[in-house]
């Protein structure tokens, strides 16, 4: 406890010198842990409590341990209580308010990631529904203009907006196209929260391909 009292006397009434470094590292780790966060969120499903942290305490614990290894004057978090034990140890110290502020900022950012994921998941579900279920007789909404129904036959796929893909000898049916669109959308959504776009691009032999891409995550794939 003497070491903790000495630690307290160093920063009493001042902003701890580790604050910005720790805050920045925690935020960077949280951003880089988006896949882990969303995987955990999907696994938790309906058991996830509103307002509860998913990986924030893990992130704070990991970064505090890294920071403490660089500055032995900082109290260690290792113990049966983890982050909660650290908060109890520091509850009388000025650093507690700093840690709580950082925790709230991280939880807010964590929630924004989840909310964005939910919005894009809803968009994906609605879009796939409109594209692959669409209209009568397996009509499929054009993925590039989102307005017209595609003309899908054994020779080509076309849309009044200008989309034209030669499908001769490729056995592309409306159902096959539906499955391809759904597969690529789901593949992209597994790693990125943002909405992809569809476009037509020529391959090496000048034949057009339907492409799906995302400017945010650099996802790029050929649909057909």
Foldseek 3Di string as FASTA:
>chain_A
DVLVVVLQVVAAPHDDPCLVVLLVQLQVVLVVCLLVLVVQPVVCPPVDDPLDDRCSLVSSLVSVQVVCVVPVSDDHQDDPVRPVVVLVSCVVGPCNVSVVVSSVVSSVVSVVSVVLLVVLVVVLVVQLCCAQVNDPPRWGQDQAPSPFTWDDDQAWIDDPVGDIAGNHPVPDDSNNLSVLVNVVSVVVSSPDSDDWGWDWDADPVRGIFIWIADPPVGDIDTSD
